[in-house]
């Protein structure tokens, strides 16, 4: 269990900035689009997928894998995967 805490902590530190960028740019994109700010919306969607740095195809995949890894380590730490011991 301690090993999963270490993995979870390490993943959380590594994924904090990419996920924060994704959330803020995604919310900003939605607001800009609803306010009919086309240029701002296009800029924010490029930040959202990191197409600015040429990572448009890889970044969403890495975000997904990272979130899935955080989910698995977090669920495992709650002991939902632990086998129950029955007293006889």
C-alpha atoms as a PDB file:
ATOM      1  CA  UNK A   1       0.000   0.000   0.000  1.00  0.00           C
ATOM      2  CA  UNK A   2       2.847   2.392   0.802  1.00  0.00           C
ATOM      3  CA  UNK A   3       4.225   1.832  -2.703  1.00  0.00           C
ATOM      4  CA  UNK A   4       0.930   2.974  -4.257  1.00  0.00           C
ATOM      5  CA  UNK A   5       0.999   6.113  -2.116  1.00  0.00           C
ATOM      6  CA  UNK A   6       4.458   6.894  -3.477  1.00  0.00           C
ATOM      7  CA  UNK A   7       3.299   6.307  -7.071  1.00  0.00           C
ATOM      8  CA  UNK A   8       0.187   8.387  -6.487  1.00  0.00           C
ATOM      9  CA  UNK A   9       2.161  11.248  -4.928  1.00  0.00           C
ATOM     10  CA  UNK A  10       4.712  11.211  -7.757  1.00  0.00           C
ATOM     11  CA  UNK A  11       2.001  11.143 -10.436  1.00  0.00           C
ATOM     12  CA  UNK A  12       0.123  13.992  -8.754  1.00  0.00           C
ATOM     13  CA  UNK A  13       3.239  16.174  -8.696  1.00  0.00           C
ATOM     14  CA  UNK A  14       4.122  15.420 -12.326  1.00  0.00           C
ATOM     15  CA  UNK A  15       0.573  15.860 -13.656  1.00  0.00           C
ATOM     16  CA  UNK A  16      -0.402  18.973 -11.705  1.00  0.00           C
ATOM     17  CA  UNK A  17       0.630  21.601 -14.277  1.00  0.00           C
ATOM     18  CA  UNK A  18      -0.567  19.750 -17.402  1.00  0.00           C
ATOM     19  CA  UNK A  19      -3.956  19.046 -15.835  1.00  0.00           C
ATOM     20  CA  UNK A  20      -4.293  22.579 -14.485  1.00  0.00           C
ATOM     21  CA  UNK A  21      -3.485  23.954 -17.940  1.00  0.00           C
ATOM     22  CA  UNK A  22      -6.083  21.655 -19.481  1.00  0.00           C
ATOM     23  CA  UNK A  23      -8.798  22.631 -17.006  1.00  0.00           C
ATOM     24  CA  UNK A  24      -8.223  26.391 -17.148  1.00  0.00           C
ATOM     25  CA  UNK A  25      -7.932  26.516 -20.930  1.00  0.00           C
ATOM     26  CA  UNK A  26     -10.982  24.250 -21.328  1.00  0.00           C
ATOM     27  CA  UNK A  27     -13.151  26.442 -19.122  1.00  0.00           C
ATOM     28  CA  UNK A  28     -11.766  29.577 -20.780  1.00  0.00           C
ATOM     29  CA  UNK A  29     -12.512  28.111 -24.208  1.00  0.00           C
ATOM     30  CA  UNK A  30     -16.112  27.416 -23.242  1.00  0.00           C
ATOM     31  CA  UNK A  31     -16.577  30.945 -21.897  1.00  0.00           C
ATOM     32  CA  UNK A  32     -14.889  32.556 -24.912  1.00  0.00           C
ATOM     33  CA  UNK A  33     -17.002  30.520 -27.309  1.00  0.00           C
ATOM     34  CA  UNK A  34     -20.223  31.439 -25.517  1.00  0.00           C
ATOM     35  CA  UNK A  35     -19.215  35.115 -25.698  1.00  0.00           C
ATOM     36  CA  UNK A  36     -18.509  34.737 -29.437  1.00  0.00           C
ATOM     37  CA  UNK A  37     -14.811  35.547 -29.039  1.00  0.00           C
ATOM     38  CA  UNK A  38     -13.604  33.377 -31.923  1.00  0.00           C
ATOM     39  CA  UNK A  39      -9.929  34.423 -31.871  1.00  0.00           C
ATOM     40  CA  UNK A  40      -9.611  33.911 -28.127  1.00  0.00           C
ATOM     41  CA  UNK A  41     -11.425  30.568 -28.336  1.00  0.00           C
ATOM     42  CA  UNK A  42      -9.064  29.341 -31.060  1.00  0.00           C
ATOM     43  CA  UNK A  43      -6.043  30.424 -29.021  1.00  0.00           C
ATOM     44  CA  UNK A  44      -7.348  28.673 -25.901  1.00  0.00           C
ATOM     45  CA  UNK A  45      -8.078  25.433 -27.745  1.00  0.00           C
ATOM     46  CA  UNK A  46      -4.487  25.446 -29.035  1.00  0.00           C
ATOM     47  CA  UNK A  47      -3.299  25.802 -25.444  1.00  0.00           C
ATOM     48  CA  UNK A  48      -5.801  23.170 -24.313  1.00  0.00           C
ATOM     49  CA  UNK A  49      -4.252  20.544 -26.595  1.00  0.00           C
ATOM     50  CA  UNK A  50      -0.723  22.072 -26.541  1.00  0.00           C
ATOM     51  CA  UNK A  51      -0.723  22.375 -30.326  1.00  0.00           C
ATOM     52  CA  UNK A  52       1.385  25.500 -29.784  1.00  0.00           C
ATOM     53  CA  UNK A  53       4.337  23.250 -28.921  1.00  0.00           C
ATOM     54  CA  UNK A  54       3.523  20.560 -31.489  1.00  0.00           C
ATOM     55  CA  UNK A  55       2.061  18.164 -28.919  1.00  0.00           C
ATOM     56  CA  UNK A  56      -1.513  18.239 -30.205  1.00  0.00           C
ATOM     57  CA  UNK A  57      -1.696  14.497 -30.834  1.00  0.00           C
ATOM     58  CA  UNK A  58       0.310  13.295 -27.834  1.00  0.00           C
ATOM     59  CA  UNK A  59      -0.754  15.613 -24.992  1.00  0.00           C
ATOM     60  CA  UNK A  60      -4.396  14.484 -24.672  1.00  0.00           C
ATOM     61  CA  UNK A  61      -3.270  10.859 -24.679  1.00  0.00           C
ATOM     62  CA  UNK A  62      -0.693  11.509 -21.947  1.00  0.00           C
ATOM     63  CA  UNK A  63      -3.297  13.405 -19.906  1.00  0.00           C
ATOM     64  CA  UNK A  64      -5.684  10.468 -20.212  1.00  0.00           C
ATOM     65  CA  UNK A  65      -3.077   7.895 -19.239  1.00  0.00           C
ATOM     66  CA  UNK A  66      -2.003  10.059 -16.301  1.00  0.00           C
ATOM     67  CA  UNK A  67      -5.556  10.517 -15.028  1.00  0.00           C
ATOM     68  CA  UNK A  68      -6.261   6.810 -15.389  1.00  0.00           C
ATOM     69  CA  UNK A  69      -3.090   6.021 -13.422  1.00  0.00           C
ATOM     70  CA  UNK A  70      -4.111   8.451 -10.664  1.00  0.00           C
ATOM     71  CA  UNK A  71      -7.542   6.816 -10.572  1.00  0.00           C
ATOM     72  CA  UNK A  72      -6.156   3.295 -10.274  1.00  0.00           C
ATOM     73  CA  UNK A  73      -3.624   4.173  -7.561  1.00  0.00           C
ATOM     74  CA  UNK A  74      -6.248   6.179  -5.667  1.00  0.00           C
ATOM     75  CA  UNK A  75      -8.812   3.383  -5.781  1.00  0.00           C
ATOM     76  CA  UNK A  76      -6.209   0.840  -4.745  1.00  0.00           C
ATOM     77  CA  UNK A  77      -5.318   2.947  -1.712  1.00  0.00           C
ATOM     78  CA  UNK A  78      -8.965   2.848  -0.603  1.00  0.00           C
ATOM     79  CA  UNK A  79      -8.577  -0.936  -0.366  1.00  0.00           C
ATOM     80  CA  UNK A  80     -11.452  -1.686  -2.724  1.00  0.00           C
ATOM     81  CA  UNK A  81      -9.257  -4.270  -4.459  1.00  0.00           C
ATOM     82  CA  UNK A  82      -8.289  -5.964  -1.219  1.00  0.00           C
ATOM     83  CA  UNK A  83      -9.541  -9.487  -0.653  1.00  0.00           C
ATOM     84  CA  UNK A  84     -11.687  -9.835   2.402  1.00  0.00           C
ATOM     85  CA  UNK A  85     -10.637 -12.216   5.143  1.00  0.00           C
ATOM     86  CA  UNK A  86     -13.408 -14.133   6.746  1.00  0.00           C
ATOM     87  CA  UNK A  87     -13.120 -15.376  10.294  1.00  0.00           C
ATOM     88  CA  UNK A  88     -13.991 -19.011  10.682  1.00  0.00           C
END
